[in-house]
C-alpha atoms as a PDB file:
ATOM      1  CA  UNK A   1      -0.189   0.108  -0.257  1.00  0.00           C
ATOM      2  CA  UNK A   2       1.467   3.471  -0.975  1.00  0.00           C
ATOM      3  CA  UNK A   3       1.137   6.458   1.478  1.00  0.00           C
ATOM      4  CA  UNK A   4      -1.441   8.762   0.404  1.00  0.00           C
ATOM      5  CA  UNK A   5       0.953  11.667   0.937  1.00  0.00           C
ATOM      6  CA  UNK A   6       4.225  10.836  -0.660  1.00  0.00           C
ATOM      7  CA  UNK A   7       3.584   7.595  -2.280  1.00  0.00           C
ATOM      8  CA  UNK A   8       6.077   5.711  -0.250  1.00  0.00           C
ATOM      9  CA  UNK A   9       5.246   2.292   0.992  1.00  0.00           C
ATOM     10  CA  UNK A  10       3.275   2.546   4.228  1.00  0.00           C
ATOM     11  CA  UNK A  11       4.963   1.658   7.270  1.00  0.00           C
ATOM     12  CA  UNK A  12       2.817  -0.694   9.725  1.00  0.00           C
ATOM     13  CA  UNK A  13       2.989   1.612  12.695  1.00  0.00           C
ATOM     14  CA  UNK A  14       1.926   4.773  11.039  1.00  0.00           C
ATOM     15  CA  UNK A  15      -0.742   2.962   8.352  1.00  0.00           C
ATOM     16  CA  UNK A  16      -1.716   4.062   6.025  1.00  0.00           C
ATOM     17  CA  UNK A  17       0.943   6.706   5.858  1.00  0.00           C
ATOM     18  CA  UNK A  18       4.790   5.909   5.579  1.00  0.00           C
ATOM     19  CA  UNK A  19       5.759   8.161   8.579  1.00  0.00           C
ATOM     20  CA  UNK A  20       4.309  10.220  11.519  1.00  0.00           C
ATOM     21  CA  UNK A  21       5.211  13.226   9.512  1.00  0.00           C
ATOM     22  CA  UNK A  22       2.771  12.404   6.404  1.00  0.00           C
ATOM     23  CA  UNK A  23       0.316  11.454   8.982  1.00  0.00           C
ATOM     24  CA  UNK A  24       0.546  14.882  10.557  1.00  0.00           C
ATOM     25  CA  UNK A  25       0.525  16.512   7.127  1.00  0.00           C
ATOM     26  CA  UNK A  26      -2.731  14.833   6.388  1.00  0.00           C
ATOM     27  CA  UNK A  27      -4.108  15.817   9.961  1.00  0.00           C
ATOM     28  CA  UNK A  28      -3.212  19.406   9.075  1.00  0.00           C
ATOM     29  CA  UNK A  29      -5.092  19.251   5.730  1.00  0.00           C
ATOM     30  CA  UNK A  30      -8.088  18.116   7.702  1.00  0.00           C
ATOM     31  CA  UNK A  31      -7.694  21.017  10.179  1.00  0.00           C
ATOM     32  CA  UNK A  32      -7.164  23.979   7.722  1.00  0.00           C
ATOM     33  CA  UNK A  33     -10.016  22.692   5.646  1.00  0.00           C
ATOM     34  CA  UNK A  34      -8.178  21.417   2.383  1.00  0.00           C
ATOM     35  CA  UNK A  35     -10.194  18.330   2.951  1.00  0.00           C
ATOM     36  CA  UNK A  36     -14.136  18.580   3.339  1.00  0.00           C
ATOM     37  CA  UNK A  37     -16.930  16.322   3.442  1.00  0.00           C
ATOM     38  CA  UNK A  38     -20.079  17.278   1.669  1.00  0.00           C
ATOM     39  CA  UNK A  39     -23.474  17.704   3.628  1.00  0.00           C
ATOM     40  CA  UNK A  40     -26.938  18.314   1.827  1.00  0.00           C
ATOM     41  CA  UNK A  41     -28.327  18.683   5.622  1.00  0.00           C
ATOM     42  CA  UNK A  42     -30.428  22.083   5.378  1.00  0.00           C
ATOM     43  CA  UNK A  43     -29.403  23.000   9.234  1.00  0.00           C
ATOM     44  CA  UNK A  44     -25.530  22.631   8.293  1.00  0.00           C
ATOM     45  CA  UNK A  45     -25.905  24.664   5.049  1.00  0.00           C
ATOM     46  CA  UNK A  46     -27.688  27.358   6.822  1.00  0.00           C
ATOM     47  CA  UNK A  47     -25.182  27.292   9.693  1.00  0.00           C
ATOM     48  CA  UNK A  48     -22.288  27.466   7.433  1.00  0.00           C
ATOM     49  CA  UNK A  49     -23.725  30.313   5.151  1.00  0.00           C
ATOM     50  CA  UNK A  50     -24.433  32.209   8.207  1.00  0.00           C
ATOM     51  CA  UNK A  51     -20.734  31.734   9.466  1.00  0.00           C
ATOM     52  CA  UNK A  52     -19.532  32.818   6.055  1.00  0.00           C
ATOM     53  CA  UNK A  53     -21.274  35.984   5.820  1.00  0.00           C
ATOM     54  CA  UNK A  54     -21.151  36.957   9.398  1.00  0.00           C
ATOM     55  CA  UNK A  55     -18.812  39.765   8.998  1.00  0.00           C
ATOM     56  CA  UNK A  56     -19.769  40.774   5.387  1.00  0.00           C
ATOM     57  CA  UNK A  57     -21.693  44.180   5.400  1.00  0.00           C
ATOM     58  CA  UNK A  58     -23.191  43.395   1.932  1.00  0.00           C
ATOM     59  CA  UNK A  59     -25.076  40.783   3.225  1.00  0.00           C
ATOM     60  CA  UNK A  60     -26.817  42.804   5.975  1.00  0.00           C
END
């Protein structure tokens, strides 16, 4: 199995990654919003929209 970050062979200790470094890179991508999961839940969409436009004076 190849590491999804760098394509090197995965290490059993860090699987599916080759190292803790690649695992940390992946985690950082989740934290900074690089990776997202879609939602069709109207409540979540409404909340996300209000957060995005909270400080936008053109939406008030």
